[in-house]
Amino acid sequence: MLTPEQVKFYRQQGYLAVENVIPKKLLVDLCRVTDEFVDKSRSVETHTDVFDLEPNHTAEEPHVRRIKSPANHHSVYDQAMRHPNILNLVSQLIGSGIRQNGHKLNMKNPRSGSPVQWHQDWAFYPHTNDDLLAVGIALDDMRIENSCMMVVPGSHTGPVYNHHQDGVFVGAITEANFTPQGAVPVEVNAGGISLHHVRTLHGSSSNTSSQPRRLFLIQYCAIDAWPILGVTEWNQFNECILQGQLTYQPRMIDLPIRIPRPYGEKEGSIYEVQSLLEEPLFQHNRKTFYKKREISE
């Protein structure tokens, strides 16, 4: 369970790192299955329903930047998503009734890996309330050197930024003169997890180190948080409940919302959507965005 100090930190800062959450055997299985998926990617040349590929992907040297909806494709990922060690922590932050509304495994190979530009998850899937968070299961040690996730502490209580450019949704902040002031790295060891609020500013650069960075991200929301864009398939929606009982009454809170539509010429993963961004911040030296310590490129 989280300590009162950890809960307070999350409430105030909008993120948290917790060590030693995933049992050793499950962590080993997650790494093994992930390696198997990467090996299977050798047979594909373009993005599929399972794989989102780096531009330098080849059969000889596979480079996968995302496994899409991994819990739908292997029981080990599903087991991790439902693990009581995680659900117990999440329930302390958003309540005992929990629904998952998406999952993915983002990977950055050594000296490679597409950056994720600064954004708020809330821009992609606004709900009737903001008791939503994302858990990142670290398959590798997450450090500044191998491009761990960065967040801006306290930003979850601030504005919802514009993620549109030229009238289309590009999945990244496009505010004029935006800089992630006070950004900090979320470092955690393999088997630990990160948690960040749905409105927290976050992103990550390319991996310039010799170490891989694999992060299994799971989106959790309170059962009474309903998607603003609606429920397309009722049974499928309720199959995403992980604990608690379904409700017919969304909980409404007065919150700033921007609708993530329309998409531009590229639609799919965040990498594809953000590729339309005209001025990506992560073309700059990444040491600008770290408060904890500088790092030389």
C-alpha atoms as a PDB file:
ATOM      1  CA  MET A   1       0.000   0.000   0.000  1.00  0.00           C
ATOM      2  CA  LEU A   2       1.035   3.596  -0.518  1.00  0.00           C
ATOM      3  CA  THR A   3       2.033   5.583   2.523  1.00  0.00           C
ATOM      4  CA  PRO A   4       0.136   8.777   3.385  1.00  0.00           C
ATOM      5  CA  GLU A   5       3.232  10.695   2.293  1.00  0.00           C
ATOM      6  CA  GLN A   6       3.191   9.002  -1.129  1.00  0.00           C
ATOM      7  CA  VAL A   7      -0.500   9.724  -1.613  1.00  0.00           C
ATOM      8  CA  LYS A   8       0.074  13.362  -0.647  1.00  0.00           C
ATOM      9  CA  PHE A   9       3.001  13.608  -3.068  1.00  0.00           C
ATOM     10  CA  TYR A  10       0.881  12.243  -5.931  1.00  0.00           C
ATOM     11  CA  ARG A  11      -1.983  14.626  -5.123  1.00  0.00           C
ATOM     12  CA  GLN A  12       0.338  17.624  -5.090  1.00  0.00           C
ATOM     13  CA  GLN A  13       2.837  16.721  -7.819  1.00  0.00           C
ATOM     14  CA  GLY A  14       0.738  14.598 -10.205  1.00  0.00           C
ATOM     15  CA  TYR A  15       3.151  11.680 -10.426  1.00  0.00           C
ATOM     16  CA  LEU A  16       4.860   9.023  -8.307  1.00  0.00           C
ATOM     17  CA  ALA A  17       7.504   6.299  -8.599  1.00  0.00           C
ATOM     18  CA  VAL A  18       7.158   3.111  -6.548  1.00  0.00           C
ATOM     19  CA  GLU A  19       9.857   0.446  -6.405  1.00  0.00           C
ATOM     20  CA  ASN A  20       9.506  -3.362  -6.195  1.00  0.00           C
ATOM     21  CA  VAL A  21       5.882  -3.639  -7.294  1.00  0.00           C
ATOM     22  CA  ILE A  22       6.156  -6.416  -9.893  1.00  0.00           C
ATOM     23  CA  PRO A  23       7.216  -9.891  -8.630  1.00  0.00           C
ATOM     24  CA  LYS A  24      10.513 -11.129 -10.043  1.00  0.00           C
ATOM     25  CA  LYS A  25       9.020 -14.060 -11.972  1.00  0.00           C
ATOM     26  CA  LEU A  26       6.412 -11.879 -13.634  1.00  0.00           C
ATOM     27  CA  LEU A  27       9.087  -9.355 -14.587  1.00  0.00           C
ATOM     28  CA  VAL A  28      11.198 -12.116 -16.151  1.00  0.00           C
ATOM     29  CA  ASP A  29       8.148 -13.360 -18.060  1.00  0.00           C
ATOM     30  CA  LEU A  30       7.323  -9.850 -19.291  1.00  0.00           C
ATOM     31  CA  CYS A  31      10.851  -9.402 -20.614  1.00  0.00           C
ATOM     32  CA  ARG A  32      10.876 -12.844 -22.245  1.00  0.00           C
ATOM     33  CA  VAL A  33       7.525 -12.372 -23.963  1.00  0.00           C
ATOM     34  CA  THR A  34       8.531  -8.895 -25.124  1.00  0.00           C
ATOM     35  CA  ASP A  35      11.688 -10.312 -26.691  1.00  0.00           C
ATOM     36  CA  GLU A  36       9.535 -12.917 -28.454  1.00  0.00           C
ATOM     37  CA  PHE A  37       7.278 -10.215 -29.869  1.00  0.00           C
ATOM     38  CA  VAL A  38      10.246  -8.216 -31.124  1.00  0.00           C
ATOM     39  CA  ASP A  39      11.561 -11.348 -32.821  1.00  0.00           C
ATOM     40  CA  LYS A  40       8.179 -11.853 -34.519  1.00  0.00           C
ATOM     41  CA  SER A  41       8.371  -8.304 -35.863  1.00  0.00           C
ATOM     42  CA  ARG A  42      11.142  -9.410 -38.227  1.00  0.00           C
ATOM     43  CA  SER A  43       8.432 -10.674 -40.576  1.00  0.00           C
ATOM     44  CA  VAL A  44       6.708  -7.294 -40.995  1.00  0.00           C
ATOM     45  CA  GLU A  45       7.827  -4.207 -42.890  1.00  0.00           C
ATOM     46  CA  THR A  46       5.152  -1.669 -41.949  1.00  0.00           C
ATOM     47  CA  HIS A  47       2.977  -0.860 -38.950  1.00  0.00           C
ATOM     48  CA  THR A  48       0.394  -3.514 -38.090  1.00  0.00           C
ATOM     49  CA  ASP A  49      -2.381  -3.986 -35.538  1.00  0.00           C
ATOM     50  CA  VAL A  50       0.310  -5.285 -33.173  1.00  0.00           C
ATOM     51  CA  PHE A  51       3.522  -3.441 -34.057  1.00  0.00           C
ATOM     52  CA  ASP A  52       4.435   0.193 -34.431  1.00  0.00           C
ATOM     53  CA  LEU A  53       7.880   0.225 -36.031  1.00  0.00           C
ATOM     54  CA  GLU A  54      10.814   2.611 -35.917  1.00  0.00           C
ATOM     55  CA  PRO A  55      11.858   4.077 -39.281  1.00  0.00           C
ATOM     56  CA  ASN A  56      15.084   2.022 -39.180  1.00  0.00           C
ATOM     57  CA  HIS A  57      13.333  -1.305 -38.594  1.00  0.00           C
ATOM     58  CA  THR A  58      14.608  -4.253 -40.664  1.00  0.00           C
ATOM     59  CA  ALA A  59      14.299  -8.018 -40.479  1.00  0.00           C
ATOM     60  CA  GLU A  60      17.995  -8.238 -39.634  1.00  0.00           C
ATOM     61  CA  GLU A  61      17.793  -5.562 -36.928  1.00  0.00           C
ATOM     62  CA  PRO A  62      14.224  -5.250 -35.644  1.00  0.00           C
ATOM     63  CA  HIS A  63      13.335  -1.913 -34.059  1.00  0.00           C
ATOM     64  CA  VAL A  64       9.870  -1.841 -32.505  1.00  0.00           C
ATOM     65  CA  ARG A  65       8.805   1.367 -30.818  1.00  0.00           C
ATOM     66  CA  ARG A  66       5.437   0.081 -29.592  1.00  0.00           C
ATOM     67  CA  ILE A  67       3.531  -3.151 -29.070  1.00  0.00           C
ATOM     68  CA  LYS A  68      -0.086  -2.100 -29.410  1.00  0.00           C
ATOM     69  CA  SER A  69      -2.637  -3.321 -26.839  1.00  0.00           C
ATOM     70  CA  PRO A  70      -0.276  -6.041 -25.563  1.00  0.00           C
ATOM     71  CA  ALA A  71      -2.727  -7.420 -22.983  1.00  0.00           C
ATOM     72  CA  ASN A  72      -4.984  -8.379 -25.906  1.00  0.00           C
ATOM     73  CA  HIS A  73      -2.213 -10.459 -27.437  1.00  0.00           C
ATOM     74  CA  HIS A  74      -0.615 -12.329 -24.528  1.00  0.00           C
ATOM     75  CA  SER A  75      -1.792 -13.471 -21.101  1.00  0.00           C
ATOM     76  CA  VAL A  76       1.408 -12.320 -19.370  1.00  0.00           C
ATOM     77  CA  TYR A  77       0.619  -8.677 -20.175  1.00  0.00           C
ATOM     78  CA  ASP A  78      -2.993  -9.202 -19.094  1.00  0.00           C
ATOM     79  CA  GLN A  79      -1.785 -10.688 -15.809  1.00  0.00           C
ATOM     80  CA  ALA A  80       0.412  -7.661 -15.176  1.00  0.00           C
ATOM     81  CA  MET A  81      -2.420  -5.246 -15.990  1.00  0.00           C
ATOM     82  CA  ARG A  82      -4.675  -6.981 -13.438  1.00  0.00           C
ATOM     83  CA  HIS A  83      -2.025  -7.623 -10.805  1.00  0.00           C
ATOM     84  CA  PRO A  84      -3.280  -6.843  -7.271  1.00  0.00           C
ATOM     85  CA  ASN A  85      -0.004  -5.113  -6.407  1.00  0.00           C
ATOM     86  CA  ILE A  86      -0.882  -2.468  -8.995  1.00  0.00           C
ATOM     87  CA  LEU A  87      -4.635  -2.332  -8.455  1.00  0.00           C
ATOM     88  CA  ASN A  88      -4.169  -1.876  -4.713  1.00  0.00           C
ATOM     89  CA  LEU A  89      -2.023   1.199  -5.325  1.00  0.00           C
ATOM     90  CA  VAL A  90      -4.262   2.622  -8.030  1.00  0.00           C
ATOM     91  CA  SER A  91      -7.369   2.191  -5.859  1.00  0.00           C
ATOM     92  CA  GLN A  92      -5.842   4.481  -3.233  1.00  0.00           C
ATOM     93  CA  LEU A  93      -5.614   7.245  -5.834  1.00  0.00           C
ATOM     94  CA  ILE A  94      -8.775   6.952  -7.957  1.00  0.00           C
ATOM     95  CA  GLY A  95     -11.087   4.719  -5.910  1.00  0.00           C
ATOM     96  CA  SER A  96     -11.822   1.000  -5.675  1.00  0.00           C
ATOM     97  CA  GLY A  97     -13.861   0.797  -8.881  1.00  0.00           C
ATOM     98  CA  ILE A  98     -11.329   0.605 -11.708  1.00  0.00           C
ATOM     99  CA  ARG A  99     -11.616   0.364 -15.466  1.00  0.00           C
ATOM    100  CA  GLN A 100      -8.755   0.151 -17.946  1.00  0.00           C
ATOM    101  CA  ASN A 101      -9.055   2.273 -21.061  1.00  0.00           C
ATOM    102  CA  GLY A 102      -5.936   1.308 -22.975  1.00  0.00           C
ATOM    103  CA  HIS A 103      -2.457  -0.162 -22.778  1.00  0.00           C
ATOM    104  CA  LYS A 104       0.742  -0.215 -24.818  1.00  0.00           C
ATOM    105  CA  LEU A 105       4.386  -1.168 -24.477  1.00  0.00           C
ATOM    106  CA  ASN A 106       6.722   1.622 -25.565  1.00  0.00           C
ATOM    107  CA  MET A 107      10.318   0.728 -26.366  1.00  0.00           C
ATOM    108  CA  LYS A 108      13.456   2.712 -27.029  1.00  0.00           C
ATOM    109  CA  ASN A 109      16.364   0.665 -28.308  1.00  0.00           C
ATOM    110  CA  PRO A 110      19.920   1.635 -27.331  1.00  0.00           C
ATOM    111  CA  ARG A 111      21.025   4.781 -29.180  1.00  0.00           C
ATOM    112  CA  SER A 112      17.660   4.876 -30.885  1.00  0.00           C
ATOM    113  CA  GLY A 113      14.001   5.257 -30.080  1.00  0.00           C
ATOM    114  CA  SER A 114      11.515   7.858 -31.219  1.00  0.00           C
ATOM    115  CA  PRO A 115      10.891  10.676 -28.761  1.00  0.00           C
ATOM    116  CA  VAL A 116       7.442  11.369 -27.361  1.00  0.00           C
ATOM    117  CA  GLN A 117       6.780  15.092 -27.511  1.00  0.00           C
ATOM    118  CA  TRP A 118       5.341  16.985 -24.563  1.00  0.00           C
ATOM    119  CA  HIS A 119       1.650  16.316 -24.096  1.00  0.00           C
ATOM    120  CA  GLN A 120      -1.160  15.603 -21.648  1.00  0.00           C
ATOM    121  CA  ASP A 121      -3.023  12.302 -21.863  1.00  0.00           C
ATOM    122  CA  TRP A 122      -6.198  14.255 -21.102  1.00  0.00           C
ATOM    123  CA  ALA A 123      -5.940  15.799 -24.559  1.00  0.00           C
ATOM    124  CA  PHE A 124      -6.396  12.346 -26.135  1.00  0.00           C
ATOM    125  CA  TYR A 125      -9.297  11.028 -24.042  1.00  0.00           C
ATOM    126  CA  PRO A 126     -11.170  13.591 -21.910  1.00  0.00           C
ATOM    127  CA  HIS A 127     -13.679  12.099 -19.448  1.00  0.00           C
ATOM    128  CA  THR A 128     -16.495  13.324 -17.229  1.00  0.00           C
ATOM    129  CA  ASN A 129     -14.005  13.537 -14.346  1.00  0.00           C
ATOM    130  CA  ASP A 130     -10.227  13.320 -14.141  1.00  0.00           C
ATOM    131  CA  ASP A 131      -9.770  10.364 -11.786  1.00  0.00           C
ATOM    132  CA  LEU A 132      -7.565   8.760 -14.412  1.00  0.00           C
ATOM    133  CA  LEU A 133      -3.900   7.858 -14.341  1.00  0.00           C
ATOM    134  CA  ALA A 134      -1.322   5.853 -16.249  1.00  0.00           C
ATOM    135  CA  VAL A 135       0.912   3.216 -14.692  1.00  0.00           C
ATOM    136  CA  GLY A 136       4.227   2.452 -16.350  1.00  0.00           C
ATOM    137  CA  ILE A 137       5.770  -0.923 -15.513  1.00  0.00           C
ATOM    138  CA  ALA A 138       9.534  -0.633 -15.929  1.00  0.00           C
ATOM    139  CA  LEU A 139      10.958  -3.679 -17.709  1.00  0.00           C
ATOM    140  CA  ASP A 140      14.392  -2.051 -17.560  1.00  0.00           C
ATOM    141  CA  ASP A 141      15.950   0.391 -15.133  1.00  0.00           C
ATOM    142  CA  MET A 142      14.622   3.807 -16.105  1.00  0.00           C
ATOM    143  CA  ARG A 143      17.267   6.508 -15.922  1.00  0.00           C
ATOM    144  CA  ILE A 144      17.960   9.899 -17.442  1.00  0.00           C
ATOM    145  CA  GLU A 145      20.647   8.240 -19.541  1.00  0.00           C
ATOM    146  CA  ASN A 146      18.230   5.856 -21.315  1.00  0.00           C
ATOM    147  CA  SER A 147      15.450   8.415 -21.634  1.00  0.00           C
ATOM    148  CA  CYS A 148      13.092   7.787 -18.755  1.00  0.00           C
ATOM    149  CA  MET A 149       9.803   9.647 -18.758  1.00  0.00           C
ATOM    150  CA  MET A 150       9.917  13.310 -17.743  1.00  0.00           C
ATOM    151  CA  VAL A 151       7.103  15.187 -16.021  1.00  0.00           C
ATOM    152  CA  VAL A 152       6.366  18.716 -14.909  1.00  0.00           C
ATOM    153  CA  PRO A 153       5.425  18.482 -11.209  1.00  0.00           C
ATOM    154  CA  GLY A 154       2.106  20.049 -10.316  1.00  0.00           C
ATOM    155  CA  SER A 155       1.065  20.573 -13.933  1.00  0.00           C
ATOM    156  CA  HIS A 156      -2.034  18.395 -13.445  1.00  0.00           C
ATOM    157  CA  THR A 157      -3.647  21.291 -11.584  1.00  0.00           C
ATOM    158  CA  GLY A 158      -2.928  23.769 -14.363  1.00  0.00           C
ATOM    159  CA  PRO A 159      -4.378  24.426 -17.800  1.00  0.00           C
ATOM    160  CA  VAL A 160      -5.192  21.953 -20.530  1.00  0.00           C
ATOM    161  CA  TYR A 161      -2.862  22.985 -23.323  1.00  0.00           C
ATOM    162  CA  ASN A 162      -3.632  23.258 -27.004  1.00  0.00           C
ATOM    163  CA  HIS A 163      -2.689  20.078 -28.905  1.00  0.00           C
ATOM    164  CA  HIS A 164      -3.998  21.316 -32.271  1.00  0.00           C
ATOM    165  CA  GLN A 165      -2.039  22.733 -35.185  1.00  0.00           C
ATOM    166  CA  ASP A 166      -3.561  24.263 -38.310  1.00  0.00           C
ATOM    167  CA  GLY A 167      -6.968  23.008 -37.271  1.00  0.00           C
ATOM    168  CA  VAL A 168      -6.017  19.356 -36.710  1.00  0.00           C
ATOM    169  CA  PHE A 169      -5.139  17.358 -33.600  1.00  0.00           C
ATOM    170  CA  VAL A 170      -1.412  16.571 -33.492  1.00  0.00           C
ATOM    171  CA  GLY A 171      -1.173  15.052 -30.003  1.00  0.00           C
ATOM    172  CA  ALA A 172       1.511  17.442 -28.731  1.00  0.00           C
ATOM    173  CA  ILE A 173       1.501  20.862 -27.125  1.00  0.00           C
ATOM    174  CA  THR A 174       1.489  23.635 -29.698  1.00  0.00           C
ATOM    175  CA  GLU A 175       1.216  26.672 -27.423  1.00  0.00           C
ATOM    176  CA  ALA A 176       3.463  29.519 -28.546  1.00  0.00           C
ATOM    177  CA  ASN A 177       6.683  29.756 -26.515  1.00  0.00           C
ATOM    178  CA  PHE A 178       5.828  26.664 -24.442  1.00  0.00           C
ATOM    179  CA  THR A 179       8.724  25.224 -22.429  1.00  0.00           C
ATOM    180  CA  PRO A 180       8.456  22.497 -19.769  1.00  0.00           C
ATOM    181  CA  GLN A 181       9.710  24.608 -16.902  1.00  0.00           C
ATOM    182  CA  GLY A 182      10.898  22.596 -13.882  1.00  0.00           C
ATOM    183  CA  ALA A 183      10.659  19.205 -15.619  1.00  0.00           C
ATOM    184  CA  VAL A 184      12.078  16.255 -13.676  1.00  0.00           C
ATOM    185  CA  PRO A 185      12.921  12.681 -14.665  1.00  0.00           C
ATOM    186  CA  VAL A 186      10.886   9.814 -13.216  1.00  0.00           C
ATOM    187  CA  GLU A 187      13.590   7.275 -12.461  1.00  0.00           C
ATOM    188  CA  VAL A 188      12.633   3.792 -11.290  1.00  0.00           C
ATOM    189  CA  ASN A 189      14.284   0.364 -11.265  1.00  0.00           C
ATOM    190  CA  ALA A 190      13.078  -2.601 -13.303  1.00  0.00           C
ATOM    191  CA  GLY A 191      10.070  -4.098 -11.547  1.00  0.00           C
ATOM    192  CA  GLY A 192       9.014  -0.725 -10.180  1.00  0.00           C
ATOM    193  CA  ILE A 193       6.268   1.461 -11.583  1.00  0.00           C
ATOM    194  CA  SER A 194       5.591   5.085 -12.378  1.00  0.00           C
ATOM    195  CA  LEU A 195       2.163   6.643 -11.975  1.00  0.00           C
ATOM    196  CA  HIS A 196       1.092   9.933 -13.506  1.00  0.00           C
ATOM    197  CA  HIS A 197      -2.177  11.858 -13.485  1.00  0.00           C
ATOM    198  CA  VAL A 198      -4.049  12.129 -16.767  1.00  0.00           C
ATOM    199  CA  ARG A 199      -3.454  15.893 -16.912  1.00  0.00           C
ATOM    200  CA  THR A 200       0.251  15.838 -16.003  1.00  0.00           C
ATOM    201  CA  LEU A 201       2.627  17.230 -18.631  1.00  0.00           C
ATOM    202  CA  HIS A 202       5.078  14.553 -19.724  1.00  0.00           C
ATOM    203  CA  GLY A 203       7.268  13.331 -22.573  1.00  0.00           C
ATOM    204  CA  SER A 204      10.561  11.574 -23.328  1.00  0.00           C
ATOM    205  CA  SER A 205      13.520  12.054 -25.624  1.00  0.00           C
ATOM    206  CA  SER A 206      15.392   9.611 -27.837  1.00  0.00           C
ATOM    207  CA  ASN A 207      17.582   7.053 -26.071  1.00  0.00           C
ATOM    208  CA  THR A 208      21.220   8.062 -26.506  1.00  0.00           C
ATOM    209  CA  SER A 209      22.581   5.425 -24.103  1.00  0.00           C
ATOM    210  CA  SER A 210      23.721   1.827 -24.623  1.00  0.00           C
ATOM    211  CA  GLN A 211      20.835   0.505 -22.487  1.00  0.00           C
ATOM    212  CA  PRO A 212      17.294  -0.335 -23.650  1.00  0.00           C
ATOM    213  CA  ARG A 213      14.192   1.331 -22.223  1.00  0.00           C
ATOM    214  CA  ARG A 214      10.981  -0.715 -22.238  1.00  0.00           C
ATOM    215  CA  LEU A 215       7.897   0.616 -20.466  1.00  0.00           C
ATOM    216  CA  PHE A 216       4.528  -1.171 -20.289  1.00  0.00           C
ATOM    217  CA  LEU A 217       1.944   1.618 -19.929  1.00  0.00           C
ATOM    218  CA  ILE A 218      -1.571   0.928 -18.665  1.00  0.00           C
ATOM    219  CA  GLN A 219      -4.327   3.539 -18.447  1.00  0.00           C
ATOM    220  CA  TYR A 220      -6.662   3.201 -15.465  1.00  0.00           C
ATOM    221  CA  CYS A 221      -9.772   5.236 -14.731  1.00  0.00           C
ATOM    222  CA  ALA A 222     -12.496   5.366 -12.109  1.00  0.00           C
ATOM    223  CA  ILE A 223     -15.558   3.377 -13.150  1.00  0.00           C
ATOM    224  CA  ASP A 224     -17.716   6.498 -12.960  1.00  0.00           C
ATOM    225  CA  ALA A 225     -15.411   8.430 -15.296  1.00  0.00           C
ATOM    226  CA  TRP A 226     -17.006   8.189 -18.747  1.00  0.00           C
ATOM    227  CA  PRO A 227     -15.382   9.191 -22.049  1.00  0.00           C
ATOM    228  CA  ILE A 228     -16.639  12.523 -23.374  1.00  0.00           C
ATOM    229  CA  LEU A 229     -16.526  11.166 -26.924  1.00  0.00           C
ATOM    230  CA  GLY A 230     -18.999   8.455 -25.936  1.00  0.00           C
ATOM    231  CA  VAL A 231     -19.188   4.677 -25.606  1.00  0.00           C
ATOM    232  CA  THR A 232     -19.138   2.934 -28.972  1.00  0.00           C
ATOM    233  CA  GLU A 233     -19.748  -0.651 -27.798  1.00  0.00           C
ATOM    234  CA  TRP A 234     -21.479  -1.245 -24.453  1.00  0.00           C
ATOM    235  CA  ASN A 235     -20.330  -4.812 -23.731  1.00  0.00           C
ATOM    236  CA  GLN A 236     -16.753  -4.089 -24.723  1.00  0.00           C
ATOM    237  CA  PHE A 237     -16.778  -0.979 -22.547  1.00  0.00           C
ATOM    238  CA  ASN A 238     -17.809  -2.977 -19.476  1.00  0.00           C
ATOM    239  CA  GLU A 239     -15.391  -5.809 -20.197  1.00  0.00           C
ATOM    240  CA  CYS A 240     -12.684  -3.273 -19.356  1.00  0.00           C
ATOM    241  CA  ILE A 241     -13.784  -3.179 -15.698  1.00  0.00           C
ATOM    242  CA  LEU A 242     -11.004  -4.696 -13.595  1.00  0.00           C
ATOM    243  CA  GLN A 243     -12.661  -4.389 -10.203  1.00  0.00           C
ATOM    244  CA  GLY A 244     -15.932  -2.982  -8.912  1.00  0.00           C
ATOM    245  CA  GLN A 245     -19.421  -2.850 -10.386  1.00  0.00           C
ATOM    246  CA  LEU A 246     -20.559  -1.010 -13.490  1.00  0.00           C
ATOM    247  CA  THR A 247     -22.543   2.171 -13.083  1.00  0.00           C
ATOM    248  CA  TYR A 248     -25.054   3.976 -15.259  1.00  0.00           C
ATOM    249  CA  GLN A 249     -24.295   7.313 -13.620  1.00  0.00           C
ATOM    250  CA  PRO A 250     -21.171   9.164 -14.764  1.00  0.00           C
ATOM    251  CA  ARG A 251     -19.668  11.493 -12.166  1.00  0.00           C
ATOM    252  CA  MET A 252     -19.453  14.977 -13.658  1.00  0.00           C
ATOM    253  CA  ILE A 253     -16.827  17.556 -12.653  1.00  0.00           C
ATOM    254  CA  ASP A 254     -16.329  21.027 -14.105  1.00  0.00           C
ATOM    255  CA  LEU A 255     -13.049  20.603 -16.008  1.00  0.00           C
ATOM    256  CA  PRO A 256     -11.371  22.215 -19.031  1.00  0.00           C
ATOM    257  CA  ILE A 257     -11.741  20.025 -22.116  1.00  0.00           C
ATOM    258  CA  ARG A 258     -10.551  20.204 -25.717  1.00  0.00           C
ATOM    259  CA  ILE A 259     -11.938  17.689 -28.196  1.00  0.00           C
ATOM    260  CA  PRO A 260      -9.165  15.632 -29.925  1.00  0.00           C
ATOM    261  CA  ARG A 261     -10.616  15.971 -33.408  1.00  0.00           C
ATOM    262  CA  PRO A 262     -10.130  16.137 -36.292  1.00  0.00           C
ATOM    263  CA  TYR A 263      -7.011  14.113 -36.991  1.00  0.00           C
ATOM    264  CA  GLY A 264      -4.727  15.131 -39.814  1.00  0.00           C
ATOM    265  CA  GLU A 265      -3.323  13.044 -42.628  1.00  0.00           C
ATOM    266  CA  LYS A 266      -1.637  10.722 -40.135  1.00  0.00           C
ATOM    267  CA  GLU A 267      -3.690   8.786 -37.606  1.00  0.00           C
ATOM    268  CA  GLY A 268      -2.647   5.894 -35.397  1.00  0.00           C
ATOM    269  CA  SER A 269      -0.145   5.794 -32.557  1.00  0.00           C
ATOM    270  CA  ILE A 270       1.064   8.930 -30.808  1.00  0.00           C
ATOM    271  CA  TYR A 271       4.263   8.729 -32.863  1.00  0.00           C
ATOM    272  CA  GLU A 272       2.344   8.999 -36.131  1.00  0.00           C
ATOM    273  CA  VAL A 273       0.033  11.737 -34.869  1.00  0.00           C
ATOM    274  CA  GLN A 274       2.928  13.790 -33.471  1.00  0.00           C
ATOM    275  CA  SER A 275       4.940  13.453 -36.684  1.00  0.00           C
ATOM    276  CA  LEU A 276       2.917  16.376 -38.067  1.00  0.00           C
ATOM    277  CA  LEU A 277       4.229  18.701 -35.356  1.00  0.00           C
ATOM    278  CA  GLU A 278       6.102  21.574 -36.997  1.00  0.00           C
ATOM    279  CA  GLU A 279       8.333  22.525 -34.048  1.00  0.00           C
ATOM    280  CA  PRO A 280       9.073  19.436 -31.900  1.00  0.00           C
ATOM    281  CA  LEU A 281      10.858  20.381 -28.689  1.00  0.00           C
ATOM    282  CA  PHE A 282      12.929  17.224 -28.581  1.00  0.00           C
ATOM    283  CA  GLN A 283      15.029  18.385 -31.477  1.00  0.00           C
ATOM    284  CA  HIS A 284      16.722  20.551 -28.835  1.00  0.00           C
ATOM    285  CA  ASN A 285      19.407  19.416 -26.422  1.00  0.00           C
ATOM    286  CA  ARG A 286      17.515  17.426 -23.831  1.00  0.00           C
ATOM    287  CA  LYS A 287      19.545  18.715 -20.882  1.00  0.00           C
ATOM    288  CA  THR A 288      17.409  21.865 -21.115  1.00  0.00           C
ATOM    289  CA  PHE A 289      14.458  19.932 -19.733  1.00  0.00           C
ATOM    290  CA  TYR A 290      16.016  18.327 -16.662  1.00  0.00           C
ATOM    291  CA  LYS A 291      15.957  19.857 -13.234  1.00  0.00           C
ATOM    292  CA  LYS A 292      17.603  17.010 -11.322  1.00  0.00           C
ATOM    293  CA  ARG A 293      20.936  17.029 -13.108  1.00  0.00           C
ATOM    294  CA  GLU A 294      22.371  17.862 -16.509  1.00  0.00           C
ATOM    295  CA  ILE A 295      23.443  15.258 -19.029  1.00  0.00           C
ATOM    296  CA  SER A 296      25.860  15.729 -21.905  1.00  0.00           C
ATOM    297  CA  GLU A 297      24.847  14.573 -25.349  1.00  0.00           C
END
